[in-house]
Amino acid sequence: MLRALFVAMVTLAIAGPALADDDMDACRDRQTEAKARLDACEKVIAAGQVTGKDLAIANDTRGWIFVRRRNYDKAIAAFDAALAADPDNQNYQVSRGWAYQSKGDDDHAMADYNAVLQAHPNAAGALNNRGTLYLRKGALQSALDDLNAALNFRPNYHNAHLNRARVLSINGDFGGALADVVAALQTDASPETYLERCRIYTAMGRFDEAIADCNTAIEKAPNFQQAVVGRADIHRAKGDLDAALKDYNSVLGKNPSNMLAHIGRGQLFEKRRNLVQAREDYRLVAAISTPHDDYNVRQARQTARDRLAALTPQGPTGTIADLRVALIIGNGAYKNAPALDNPPRDARLMADTLRGLGFKTVTLANDLTHDKFLETLRTFAREAEKADWAVIYYAGHGLEVGGTNYLVPVDAKLAADKDAETEAVPLDQLLAAAGGARRLRLVMLDACRDNPFAPKMQRTMELKLVDKGLSDIEPSAGFMVVYAAKHGETALDGEGVDSPFAVAVTRDIKQPHVEVRKLFDIVRDDVWTATKHAQEPFTYGSPPGRDDFYFVAGK
């Protein structure tokens, strides 16, 4: 008897940790705080004592928590596990489709929705989500058809009412859009619902009602940036430009990459005839990279491009020599991280080299604080739009948070991952600063070092954080971006007084008649050799394809 009991105890120990009775209850409970709920679900799964529907519920819960934290790869894996545990529940495939859609993987999202609808034609969730996917693509009639069908099967479906209101408003059916918002408010008076009606009233010119709804949205969610931008748009439409500018600046102070705030502020500056500042905002909208463009973001991008084309002064044609300008930054004197010796020296070497090659202006700006960094970029942007070539070189710390690459000013603290939005400078801002040049727009980043903030940085968003170097990018057409080391890898400071990348660039760039694309192939090979295969530079994007670019023309 005792032997049998001992064997049973050993068997339980081998099987894994015991499942507490309240773990499954906490995992199921929607009122439980997200972290505690996730921990409970993780314990349920790790115990290995539940299967089928209970196991599926635990994984589905994990999946949605990861979606809210924008960790879409983990969300997709969790929904995969939920489907494997309960393959007859189509909701898990709809959920996985939404994770794919949020990640920007539209093809996999559409495949999931279509598979569900083939087996369950009245699946309102799949119809609603596919409708939003069609809206993203600009297929408005297909979006409307799906949303109508979703509401036919589930008349009180809040999200479908809200999504249909967006489509109807785009189509100019404001009465139908308002009716959908009223229906949505009956089921959930969320900030998003009030914002949608705010936008509809704005499009109708009913500004007082629009302001009231945007204010309600902000009262319900004080950090709701979209509602603040919506209110700013109303102030701008009414001609209250000071109030509008205050709202736009408030949003951009917290999130410098908010595209809708930039487009609105650009239009405001146009009204004030401040065309230089308007172009800077439009250029940022055109340069900011996103995993996908929703309908309103795509419209904003197109507006920015159209306004840039209309407002950008045309330079002289047929000139013998290009007008070239450069901005060189070396950040080394970090206040809250170990200082870097090489970046200021590398920057001086690069600046001296470009001056020797005949650049009209070369701005050397070392050890920049956050505010000085942004001011320097704004000044250079005005210079670049008068030039044919705009070259930026940055040496210092860089990091990636949540898919965005940031360059680190010397006064950054970065106690938490979310602080990057306000304390660091997005790479997009460098691209925008060079974006006004008429021909070559080149950005070189010698910023691929270990992230010194990573060990102590508080993780608040469950976002991917690269501890070494920067993540890969897809720059807009006409940009060439060169990393000192391939994405996710670390650049070396070298054994001499300058980094291997800076040494190679400043040497190879002087060779006559080497086209810029070939030039950085040579730089890559030279760094690869000099570092004994420990560092490989990488180039993203390319200059305009019909032109050749030479730092030294020669023969």
Protein backbone atom coordinates (compact mmCIF):
# COMPACT_ATOMS: atom_id res chain seq x y z
CA MET A 1 0.00 0.00 0.00
CA LEU A 2 2.77 2.39 0.98
CA ARG A 3 4.71 1.43 -2.15
CA ALA A 4 1.64 2.14 -4.29
CA LEU A 5 1.24 5.55 -2.64
CA PHE A 6 4.93 6.31 -3.19
CA VAL A 7 4.67 5.37 -6.88
CA ALA A 8 1.62 7.60 -7.25
CA MET A 9 3.45 10.53 -5.66
CA VAL A 10 6.45 10.04 -7.93
CA THR A 11 4.17 9.86 -10.94
CA LEU A 12 2.52 13.16 -10.00
CA ALA A 13 5.91 14.77 -9.50
CA ILE A 14 7.08 13.64 -12.93
CA ALA A 15 3.83 14.79 -14.54
CA GLY A 16 4.57 18.42 -13.61
CA PRO A 17 3.46 21.04 -11.10
CA ALA A 18 0.13 20.56 -9.41
CA LEU A 19 -2.79 22.60 -10.70
CA ALA A 20 -4.35 24.74 -7.98
CA ASP A 21 -8.15 24.77 -8.01
CA ASP A 22 -8.32 28.54 -8.32
CA ASP A 23 -5.84 28.84 -11.22
CA MET A 24 -8.41 27.87 -13.84
CA ASP A 25 -10.98 30.16 -12.23
CA ALA A 26 -8.55 33.10 -12.32
CA CYS A 27 -7.60 32.26 -15.92
CA ARG A 28 -11.28 32.37 -16.95
CA ASP A 29 -12.18 35.48 -14.93
CA ARG A 30 -12.32 38.56 -17.17
CA GLN A 31 -12.29 40.81 -14.10
CA THR A 32 -8.87 39.56 -13.00
CA GLU A 33 -5.98 41.96 -13.67
CA ALA A 34 -4.21 41.07 -16.93
CA LYS A 35 -0.85 40.04 -15.47
CA ALA A 36 -2.43 37.91 -12.74
CA ARG A 37 -4.76 36.34 -15.30
CA LEU A 38 -1.85 35.58 -17.63
CA ASP A 39 0.13 34.04 -14.76
CA ALA A 40 -2.85 31.84 -13.85
CA CYS A 41 -3.26 30.66 -17.44
CA GLU A 42 0.46 29.93 -17.71
CA LYS A 43 0.23 27.79 -14.57
CA VAL A 44 -2.77 25.93 -15.97
CA ILE A 45 -0.89 25.12 -19.16
CA ALA A 46 2.40 24.25 -17.40
CA ALA A 47 0.65 21.83 -15.03
CA GLY A 48 -0.32 19.71 -18.02
CA GLN A 49 -3.49 18.49 -16.33
CA VAL A 50 -6.12 20.11 -18.57
CA THR A 51 -6.97 19.25 -22.14
CA GLY A 52 -9.62 20.05 -24.72
CA LYS A 53 -11.82 23.07 -24.11
CA ASP A 54 -10.16 24.12 -20.83
CA LEU A 55 -6.72 24.06 -22.41
CA ALA A 56 -8.07 26.00 -25.40
CA ILE A 57 -9.58 28.67 -23.12
CA ALA A 58 -6.27 29.10 -21.29
CA ASN A 59 -4.37 29.56 -24.56
CA ASP A 60 -7.03 31.87 -26.01
CA THR A 61 -6.81 34.07 -22.93
CA ARG A 62 -3.03 34.21 -23.28
CA GLY A 63 -3.43 35.09 -26.94
CA TRP A 64 -5.66 38.10 -26.30
CA ILE A 65 -3.40 39.41 -23.56
CA PHE A 66 -0.48 39.22 -25.99
CA VAL A 67 -2.55 41.02 -28.66
CA ARG A 68 -3.23 43.87 -26.24
CA ARG A 69 0.50 44.01 -25.49
CA ARG A 70 1.25 44.02 -29.24
CA ASN A 71 3.30 40.83 -29.03
CA TYR A 72 1.63 39.36 -32.09
CA ASP A 73 3.97 36.43 -32.64
CA LYS A 74 3.24 35.08 -29.15
CA ALA A 75 -0.46 35.75 -29.70
CA ILE A 76 -0.48 33.74 -32.93
CA ALA A 77 1.31 30.84 -31.22
CA ALA A 78 -1.23 30.91 -28.37
CA PHE A 79 -4.19 30.86 -30.77
CA ASP A 80 -2.52 27.99 -32.67
CA ALA A 81 -2.44 26.04 -29.40
CA ALA A 82 -6.09 26.91 -28.67
CA LEU A 83 -7.12 25.61 -32.10
CA ALA A 84 -5.12 22.44 -31.63
CA ALA A 85 -6.86 21.80 -28.30
CA ASP A 86 -10.37 22.60 -29.59
CA PRO A 87 -10.34 22.46 -33.42
CA ASP A 88 -14.14 22.77 -33.73
CA ASN A 89 -14.21 26.26 -32.18
CA GLN A 90 -13.95 28.69 -35.11
CA ASN A 91 -13.57 31.66 -32.76
CA TYR A 92 -9.94 30.76 -32.17
CA GLN A 93 -9.21 30.95 -35.89
CA VAL A 94 -10.95 34.34 -36.05
CA SER A 95 -8.76 35.46 -33.14
CA ARG A 96 -5.63 34.27 -34.91
CA GLY A 97 -6.73 36.15 -38.02
CA TRP A 98 -6.99 39.33 -35.95
CA ALA A 99 -3.47 38.80 -34.56
CA TYR A 100 -2.17 38.40 -38.12
CA GLN A 101 -4.09 41.49 -39.20
CA SER A 102 -2.72 43.55 -36.30
CA LYS A 103 0.79 42.45 -37.24
CA GLY A 104 0.24 43.59 -40.83
CA ASP A 105 0.18 40.06 -42.30
CA ASP A 106 -2.98 40.60 -44.32
CA ASP A 107 -2.65 37.46 -46.45
CA HIS A 108 -2.68 35.09 -43.46
CA ALA A 109 -5.46 37.10 -41.83
CA MET A 110 -7.64 36.86 -44.95
CA ALA A 111 -6.93 33.14 -45.23
CA ASP A 112 -8.15 32.60 -41.64
CA TYR A 113 -11.33 34.63 -42.14
CA ASN A 114 -12.14 32.93 -45.46
CA ALA A 115 -11.59 29.47 -43.97
CA VAL A 116 -13.97 30.24 -41.11
CA LEU A 117 -16.63 31.70 -43.41
CA GLN A 118 -16.43 28.77 -45.78
CA ALA A 119 -17.38 26.47 -42.89
CA HIS A 120 -19.61 28.97 -41.02
CA PRO A 121 -21.08 31.59 -43.42
CA ASN A 122 -22.90 33.37 -40.58
CA ALA A 123 -19.77 33.86 -38.41
CA ALA A 124 -20.28 37.53 -37.54
CA GLY A 125 -16.81 37.93 -36.02
CA ALA A 126 -15.08 36.76 -39.19
CA LEU A 127 -17.34 38.97 -41.32
CA ASN A 128 -16.62 42.02 -39.19
CA ASN A 129 -12.87 41.45 -39.18
CA ARG A 130 -12.74 40.76 -42.90
CA GLY A 131 -14.73 43.94 -43.42
CA THR A 132 -12.06 45.94 -41.58
CA LEU A 133 -9.41 44.25 -43.69
CA TYR A 134 -11.23 45.29 -46.87
CA LEU A 135 -11.50 48.82 -45.47
CA ARG A 136 -7.73 48.89 -44.92
CA LYS A 137 -7.27 47.94 -48.57
CA GLY A 138 -9.73 50.63 -49.71
CA ALA A 139 -12.27 48.09 -51.01
CA LEU A 140 -15.20 50.00 -49.54
CA GLN A 141 -18.06 48.07 -51.13
CA SER A 142 -16.63 44.71 -50.07
CA ALA A 143 -16.15 46.12 -46.56
CA LEU A 144 -19.75 47.35 -46.49
CA ASP A 145 -21.08 43.99 -47.73
CA ASP A 146 -19.28 42.11 -44.96
CA LEU A 147 -20.33 44.53 -42.22
CA ASN A 148 -23.96 44.45 -43.39
CA ALA A 149 -23.87 40.66 -43.25
CA ALA A 150 -22.28 40.68 -39.78
CA LEU A 151 -25.05 42.94 -38.46
CA ASN A 152 -27.70 40.86 -40.18
CA PHE A 153 -26.56 37.83 -38.17
CA ARG A 154 -25.79 39.81 -34.98
CA PRO A 155 -27.81 43.05 -34.87
CA ASN A 156 -26.30 44.34 -31.61
CA TYR A 157 -22.67 43.82 -32.65
CA HIS A 158 -20.97 46.97 -31.34
CA ASN A 159 -17.75 46.76 -33.36
CA ALA A 160 -19.59 46.05 -36.60
CA HIS A 161 -21.80 49.13 -36.07
CA LEU A 162 -18.74 51.25 -35.43
CA ASN A 163 -16.85 49.87 -38.44
CA ARG A 164 -19.86 50.31 -40.73
CA ALA A 165 -20.18 53.90 -39.50
CA ARG A 166 -16.62 54.52 -40.73
CA VAL A 167 -17.36 53.10 -44.17
CA LEU A 168 -20.67 54.98 -44.51
CA SER A 169 -18.99 58.23 -43.44
CA ILE A 170 -16.25 57.77 -46.05
CA ASN A 171 -19.00 57.22 -48.64
CA GLY A 172 -20.75 60.42 -47.51
CA ASP A 173 -23.77 58.69 -45.94
CA PHE A 174 -23.58 60.67 -42.71
CA GLY A 175 -27.14 59.87 -41.66
CA GLY A 176 -26.49 56.15 -41.85
CA ALA A 177 -23.15 56.57 -40.08
CA LEU A 178 -24.76 58.49 -37.20
CA ALA A 179 -27.45 55.84 -36.86
CA ASP A 180 -24.75 53.19 -36.50
CA VAL A 181 -22.96 55.19 -33.82
CA VAL A 182 -26.23 55.58 -31.87
CA ALA A 183 -26.69 51.80 -32.06
CA ALA A 184 -23.08 51.28 -30.93
CA LEU A 185 -23.54 53.63 -27.97
CA GLN A 186 -26.47 51.53 -26.75
CA THR A 187 -24.16 48.57 -26.22
CA ASP A 188 -20.90 50.29 -25.27
CA ALA A 189 -20.39 54.02 -24.68
CA SER A 190 -16.64 53.69 -25.20
CA PRO A 191 -14.23 56.56 -25.95
CA GLU A 192 -13.75 55.10 -29.44
CA THR A 193 -17.48 55.37 -30.12
CA TYR A 194 -17.60 59.04 -29.14
CA LEU A 195 -14.49 59.69 -31.26
CA GLU A 196 -16.20 58.13 -34.28
CA ARG A 197 -19.20 60.41 -33.91
CA CYS A 198 -16.84 63.36 -33.35
CA ARG A 199 -15.23 62.63 -36.73
CA ILE A 200 -18.60 62.27 -38.45
CA TYR A 201 -19.84 65.58 -37.06
CA THR A 202 -16.55 67.19 -38.13
CA ALA A 203 -17.01 65.95 -41.69
CA MET A 204 -20.56 67.37 -41.63
CA GLY A 205 -19.35 70.76 -40.37
CA ARG A 206 -21.28 70.39 -37.09
CA PHE A 207 -18.31 71.55 -35.07
CA ASP A 208 -19.92 72.25 -31.69
CA GLU A 209 -21.38 68.75 -31.52
CA ALA A 210 -18.06 67.34 -32.71
CA ILE A 211 -16.12 69.16 -29.97
CA ALA A 212 -18.54 67.86 -27.33
CA ASP A 213 -18.05 64.25 -28.44
CA CYS A 214 -14.25 64.52 -28.67
CA ASN A 215 -14.20 66.10 -25.21
CA THR A 216 -16.30 63.22 -23.88
CA ALA A 217 -13.85 60.74 -25.37
CA ILE A 218 -10.94 62.56 -23.73
CA GLU A 219 -12.72 62.72 -20.37
CA LYS A 220 -13.24 58.96 -20.51
CA ALA A 221 -9.63 58.33 -21.59
CA PRO A 222 -7.34 61.33 -20.88
CA ASN A 223 -4.42 59.79 -22.82
CA PHE A 224 -6.52 59.02 -25.92
CA GLN A 225 -4.26 60.66 -28.51
CA GLN A 226 -6.62 60.10 -31.45
CA ALA A 227 -9.36 62.04 -29.70
CA VAL A 228 -6.98 64.94 -28.98
CA VAL A 229 -5.99 64.98 -32.66
CA GLY A 230 -9.68 64.88 -33.58
CA ARG A 231 -10.33 67.91 -31.38
CA ALA A 232 -7.34 69.71 -32.89
CA ASP A 233 -8.74 69.07 -36.38
CA ILE A 234 -12.01 70.72 -35.34
CA HIS A 235 -10.23 73.76 -33.89
CA ARG A 236 -8.28 74.04 -37.17
CA ALA A 237 -11.44 73.78 -39.25
CA LYS A 238 -13.07 76.50 -37.14
CA GLY A 239 -10.03 78.77 -37.52
CA ASP A 240 -8.94 78.57 -33.88
CA LEU A 241 -5.34 77.81 -34.83
CA ASP A 242 -3.80 78.47 -31.41
CA ALA A 243 -6.03 75.87 -29.73
CA ALA A 244 -5.40 73.43 -32.57
CA LEU A 245 -1.62 73.87 -32.35
CA LYS A 246 -1.72 73.31 -28.59
CA ASP A 247 -3.50 69.96 -29.09
CA TYR A 248 -1.24 68.83 -31.95
CA ASN A 249 1.89 69.70 -29.96
CA SER A 250 0.51 67.93 -26.89
CA VAL A 251 0.14 64.70 -28.87
CA LEU A 252 3.48 65.02 -30.66
CA GLY A 253 5.24 65.70 -27.36
CA LYS A 254 4.14 62.26 -26.19
CA ASN A 255 4.38 60.48 -29.52
CA PRO A 256 6.57 62.18 -32.16
CA SER A 257 5.52 59.57 -34.74
CA ASN A 258 1.76 60.29 -34.64
CA MET A 259 1.09 60.67 -38.35
CA LEU A 260 -2.37 62.20 -38.06
CA ALA A 261 -1.06 64.90 -35.71
CA HIS A 262 1.72 65.72 -38.16
CA ILE A 263 -0.64 65.93 -41.13
CA GLY A 264 -3.03 68.16 -39.19
CA ARG A 265 -0.25 70.40 -37.95
CA GLY A 266 1.16 70.62 -41.46
CA GLN A 267 -2.20 71.84 -42.74
CA LEU A 268 -2.32 74.35 -39.88
CA PHE A 269 1.11 75.73 -40.79
CA GLU A 270 -0.04 76.04 -44.39
CA LYS A 271 -2.92 78.20 -43.20
CA ARG A 272 -0.38 80.36 -41.38
CA ARG A 273 1.81 80.45 -44.50
CA ASN A 274 4.64 78.82 -42.57
CA LEU A 275 5.49 76.59 -45.51
CA VAL A 276 8.89 75.49 -44.19
CA GLN A 277 7.31 73.97 -41.07
CA ALA A 278 4.43 72.54 -43.11
CA ARG A 279 6.88 70.72 -45.36
CA GLU A 280 8.70 69.30 -42.32
CA ASP A 281 5.47 67.81 -40.98
CA TYR A 282 4.45 66.43 -44.38
CA ARG A 283 7.91 64.95 -44.87
CA LEU A 284 7.66 63.14 -41.53
CA VAL A 285 4.31 61.64 -42.53
CA ALA A 286 5.84 60.39 -45.78
CA ALA A 287 8.89 58.95 -43.95
CA ILE A 288 7.33 57.30 -40.88
CA SER A 289 7.32 53.53 -41.31
CA THR A 290 4.42 51.38 -40.09
CA PRO A 291 3.78 47.61 -40.40
CA HIS A 292 0.62 48.46 -42.34
CA ASP A 293 -1.38 51.51 -43.39
CA ASP A 294 -5.02 51.68 -42.32
CA TYR A 295 -7.39 53.64 -44.53
CA ASN A 296 -6.97 56.97 -42.70
CA VAL A 297 -3.18 56.58 -42.50
CA ARG A 298 -2.98 55.81 -46.21
CA GLN A 299 -5.06 58.91 -46.94
CA ALA A 300 -2.78 60.98 -44.70
CA ARG A 301 0.31 59.72 -46.52
CA GLN A 302 -1.17 60.59 -49.89
CA THR A 303 -2.16 64.04 -48.68
CA ALA A 304 1.37 64.58 -47.36
CA ARG A 305 2.91 63.56 -50.69
CA ASP A 306 0.52 65.75 -52.66
CA ARG A 307 1.17 68.78 -50.45
CA LEU A 308 4.93 68.21 -50.54
CA ALA A 309 4.85 68.15 -54.33
CA ALA A 310 2.84 71.39 -54.34
CA LEU A 311 4.94 73.22 -51.73
CA THR A 312 8.49 72.06 -52.42
CA PRO A 313 10.47 74.67 -54.35
CA GLN A 314 12.01 73.38 -57.56
CA GLY A 315 15.76 73.73 -57.79
CA PRO A 316 17.71 74.74 -60.89
CA THR A 317 18.16 72.13 -63.60
CA GLY A 318 21.19 71.49 -65.76
CA THR A 319 23.72 72.53 -63.10
CA ILE A 320 27.27 71.32 -63.48
CA ALA A 321 27.72 70.17 -59.88
CA ASP A 322 25.25 68.98 -57.28
CA LEU A 323 24.73 71.05 -54.16
CA ARG A 324 25.58 68.75 -51.25
CA VAL A 325 24.93 69.15 -47.52
CA ALA A 326 25.65 66.86 -44.57
CA LEU A 327 24.75 66.51 -40.90
CA ILE A 328 27.22 64.59 -38.72
CA ILE A 329 26.31 63.56 -35.15
CA GLY A 330 28.48 61.77 -32.62
CA ASN A 331 26.87 61.05 -29.24
CA GLY A 332 29.31 59.79 -26.62
CA ALA A 333 28.93 61.76 -23.38
CA TYR A 334 25.95 59.78 -22.05
CA LYS A 335 24.74 60.89 -18.63
CA ASN A 336 22.81 57.75 -17.66
CA ALA A 337 24.83 55.08 -19.48
CA PRO A 338 28.53 54.35 -19.98
CA ALA A 339 30.19 57.01 -22.12
CA LEU A 340 31.36 56.11 -25.62
CA ASP A 341 34.78 57.41 -26.68
CA ASN A 342 34.63 56.72 -30.40
CA PRO A 343 31.44 58.44 -31.70
CA PRO A 344 32.66 62.06 -31.32
CA ARG A 345 36.00 61.13 -32.94
CA ASP A 346 34.25 59.19 -35.72
CA ALA A 347 31.98 62.16 -36.32
CA ARG A 348 34.88 64.58 -36.63
CA LEU A 349 36.64 62.21 -39.05
CA MET A 350 33.49 61.93 -41.17
CA ALA A 351 32.90 65.70 -41.14
CA ASP A 352 36.48 66.47 -42.19
CA THR A 353 36.25 63.91 -45.00
CA LEU A 354 33.03 65.33 -46.45
CA ARG A 355 34.34 68.89 -46.22
CA GLY A 356 37.38 67.75 -48.19
CA LEU A 357 35.08 66.31 -50.85
CA GLY A 358 33.48 69.68 -51.52
CA PHE A 359 30.18 69.54 -49.61
CA LYS A 360 28.70 73.02 -49.44
CA THR A 361 27.93 72.70 -45.73
CA VAL A 362 28.86 70.06 -43.18
CA THR A 363 27.21 70.47 -39.78
CA LEU A 364 29.05 68.69 -36.95
CA ALA A 365 26.87 68.34 -33.83
CA ASN A 366 28.16 66.11 -31.05
CA ASP A 367 26.66 65.03 -27.71
CA LEU A 368 23.11 66.15 -28.41
CA THR A 369 20.39 66.20 -25.78
CA HIS A 370 16.87 65.26 -26.85
CA ASP A 371 15.69 68.80 -27.47
CA LYS A 372 18.92 69.82 -29.20
CA PHE A 373 18.76 66.67 -31.36
CA LEU A 374 15.29 67.58 -32.65
CA GLU A 375 16.24 71.23 -33.15
CA THR A 376 19.32 70.18 -35.14
CA LEU A 377 17.23 67.91 -37.38
CA ARG A 378 14.70 70.69 -38.02
CA THR A 379 17.46 73.10 -39.01
CA PHE A 380 19.08 70.54 -41.30
CA ALA A 381 15.73 69.69 -42.93
CA ARG A 382 15.42 73.31 -44.09
CA GLU A 383 18.91 73.16 -45.51
CA ALA A 384 18.37 69.78 -47.18
CA GLU A 385 15.34 70.87 -49.17
CA LYS A 386 17.53 73.43 -50.97
CA ALA A 387 20.14 70.78 -51.82
CA ASP A 388 20.60 67.96 -54.31
CA TRP A 389 22.34 65.65 -51.82
CA ALA A 390 21.55 65.28 -48.12
CA VAL A 391 23.83 62.98 -46.11
CA ILE A 392 23.39 62.20 -42.39
CA TYR A 393 25.87 60.23 -40.30
CA TYR A 394 25.03 59.23 -36.72
CA ALA A 395 27.34 57.49 -34.26
CA GLY A 396 26.20 56.61 -30.75
CA HIS A 397 23.66 54.41 -29.03
CA GLY A 398 20.57 53.15 -30.84
CA LEU A 399 17.85 50.69 -29.89
CA GLU A 400 14.62 49.17 -31.14
CA VAL A 401 11.35 49.04 -29.22
CA GLY A 402 8.15 47.61 -30.63
CA GLY A 403 9.28 47.74 -34.25
CA THR A 404 10.56 51.33 -34.10
CA ASN A 405 14.27 52.19 -34.24
CA TYR A 406 15.43 54.99 -31.97
CA LEU A 407 18.65 56.97 -31.66
CA VAL A 408 19.57 57.84 -28.10
CA PRO A 409 20.32 61.43 -26.98
CA VAL A 410 22.92 61.87 -24.26
CA ASP A 411 20.34 62.90 -21.62
CA ALA A 412 18.02 59.87 -22.08
CA LYS A 413 17.20 57.85 -18.95
CA LEU A 414 15.05 55.10 -20.51
CA ALA A 415 13.94 53.59 -17.24
CA ALA A 416 11.10 51.83 -19.12
CA ASP A 417 10.62 50.70 -22.70
CA LYS A 418 7.72 53.13 -23.22
CA ASP A 419 10.05 56.06 -22.41
CA ALA A 420 11.70 55.65 -25.81
CA GLU A 421 8.77 57.48 -27.42
CA THR A 422 9.52 60.68 -25.48
CA GLU A 423 13.23 60.44 -24.59
CA ALA A 424 14.75 59.02 -27.80
CA VAL A 425 14.61 60.15 -31.43
CA PRO A 426 12.89 57.87 -33.98
CA LEU A 427 14.98 56.96 -37.02
CA ASP A 428 12.05 58.21 -39.10
CA GLN A 429 12.94 61.74 -38.02
CA LEU A 430 16.41 61.43 -39.54
CA LEU A 431 14.92 60.12 -42.78
CA ALA A 432 12.46 63.01 -42.85
CA ALA A 433 15.25 65.53 -42.24
CA ALA A 434 17.07 64.27 -45.34
CA GLY A 435 13.87 63.80 -47.31
CA GLY A 436 13.77 67.25 -48.91
CA ALA A 437 16.92 66.74 -50.98
CA ARG A 438 16.23 66.59 -54.69
CA ARG A 439 18.44 63.63 -55.63
CA LEU A 440 20.46 61.60 -53.07
CA ARG A 441 19.17 60.98 -49.53
CA LEU A 442 21.73 58.95 -47.60
CA VAL A 443 21.68 58.06 -43.88
CA MET A 444 24.57 56.19 -42.25
CA LEU A 445 24.07 54.69 -38.78
CA ASP A 446 27.09 53.66 -36.71
CA ALA A 447 24.69 52.90 -33.83
CA CYS A 448 24.75 49.14 -33.67
CA ARG A 449 26.17 48.66 -30.18
CA ASP A 450 24.86 46.72 -27.20
CA ASN A 451 21.90 48.51 -25.63
CA PRO A 452 23.24 49.61 -22.21
CA PHE A 453 19.75 50.41 -20.95
CA ALA A 454 18.35 46.91 -21.60
CA PRO A 455 19.40 45.17 -18.33
CA LYS A 456 17.57 47.68 -16.12
CA MET A 457 14.86 48.82 -18.51
CA GLN A 458 11.38 48.07 -17.19
CA ARG A 459 9.32 46.07 -19.71
CA THR A 460 5.80 47.51 -19.63
CA MET A 461 4.42 46.60 -23.05
CA GLU A 462 5.56 43.03 -23.77
CA LEU A 463 7.12 44.44 -26.92
CA LYS A 464 10.06 43.04 -28.79
CA LEU A 465 13.21 44.79 -27.55
CA VAL A 466 16.46 44.31 -29.42
CA ASP A 467 19.39 44.21 -26.98
CA LYS A 468 21.96 44.30 -29.76
CA GLY A 469 21.86 46.87 -32.53
CA LEU A 470 18.83 47.98 -34.52
CA SER A 471 16.06 46.13 -36.32
CA ASP A 472 15.73 45.97 -40.10
CA ILE A 473 13.78 48.66 -41.95
CA GLU A 474 12.09 49.31 -45.27
CA PRO A 475 12.81 52.96 -46.12
CA SER A 476 10.64 54.86 -48.57
CA ALA A 477 11.62 55.01 -52.24
CA GLY A 478 14.65 57.17 -52.91
CA PHE A 479 16.34 56.65 -49.52
CA MET A 480 19.54 54.74 -48.86
CA VAL A 481 20.14 53.71 -45.24
CA VAL A 482 23.42 52.04 -44.28
CA TYR A 483 23.88 50.25 -40.95
CA ALA A 484 27.41 49.74 -39.60
CA ALA A 485 26.27 46.22 -38.68
CA LYS A 486 23.41 44.10 -39.97
CA HIS A 487 20.12 44.37 -38.03
CA GLY A 488 20.23 42.66 -34.64
CA GLU A 489 24.03 42.51 -34.69
CA THR A 490 26.66 44.60 -32.92
CA ALA A 491 29.19 46.98 -34.42
CA LEU A 492 32.70 47.11 -32.97
CA ASP A 493 34.57 50.18 -31.80
CA GLY A 494 37.77 48.69 -33.20
CA GLU A 495 41.30 48.60 -31.85
CA GLY A 496 42.23 52.08 -33.09
CA VAL A 497 40.88 55.53 -32.31
CA ASP A 498 38.02 55.21 -34.82
CA SER A 499 35.41 52.54 -35.54
CA PRO A 500 35.99 50.07 -38.40
CA PHE A 501 32.91 51.42 -40.19
CA ALA A 502 34.00 55.07 -39.97
CA VAL A 503 37.53 54.17 -41.10
CA ALA A 504 36.26 52.20 -44.10
CA VAL A 505 33.72 54.81 -45.21
CA THR A 506 36.10 57.76 -44.94
CA ARG A 507 38.79 55.86 -46.85
CA ASP A 508 36.65 54.26 -49.56
CA ILE A 509 34.54 57.34 -50.17
CA LYS A 510 37.60 59.12 -51.63
CA GLN A 511 38.03 56.62 -54.45
CA PRO A 512 37.22 58.25 -57.79
CA HIS A 513 34.35 57.10 -59.97
CA VAL A 514 32.83 54.58 -57.57
CA GLU A 515 29.04 54.76 -57.72
CA VAL A 516 27.40 55.00 -54.27
CA ARG A 517 25.74 51.56 -54.43
CA LYS A 518 29.08 49.94 -55.29
CA LEU A 519 30.82 52.11 -52.70
CA PHE A 520 28.93 50.60 -49.79
CA ASP A 521 29.49 47.09 -51.14
CA ILE A 522 33.21 47.86 -50.89
CA VAL A 523 32.74 49.31 -47.38
CA ARG A 524 30.93 46.12 -46.35
CA ASP A 525 33.77 43.93 -47.63
CA ASP A 526 36.44 46.07 -45.99
CA VAL A 527 34.72 46.09 -42.59
CA TRP A 528 34.08 42.35 -42.85
CA THR A 529 37.79 41.77 -43.48
CA ALA A 530 39.06 44.28 -40.89
CA THR A 531 36.92 42.76 -38.13
CA LYS A 532 37.82 39.18 -39.08
CA HIS A 533 34.20 38.45 -40.02
CA ALA A 534 32.81 39.84 -36.75
CA GLN A 535 30.92 42.78 -38.31
CA GLU A 536 29.02 43.11 -41.58
CA PRO A 537 27.51 46.44 -42.64
CA PHE A 538 24.15 46.28 -44.39
CA THR A 539 22.34 48.60 -46.81
CA TYR A 540 18.58 49.14 -46.96
CA GLY A 541 16.76 50.89 -49.79
CA SER A 542 18.47 52.60 -52.69
CA PRO A 543 18.76 55.97 -54.43
CA PRO A 544 16.68 56.76 -57.52
CA GLY A 545 17.39 54.05 -60.06
CA ARG A 546 17.95 56.17 -63.19
CA ASP A 547 20.80 58.25 -61.72
CA ASP A 548 24.37 57.45 -60.74
CA PHE A 549 25.92 59.12 -57.70
CA TYR A 550 29.66 59.67 -57.14
CA PHE A 551 31.32 61.29 -54.13
CA VAL A 552 34.39 61.73 -56.34
CA ALA A 553 33.65 61.78 -60.06
CA GLY A 554 37.12 61.13 -61.47
CA LYS A 555 37.46 59.33 -64.77
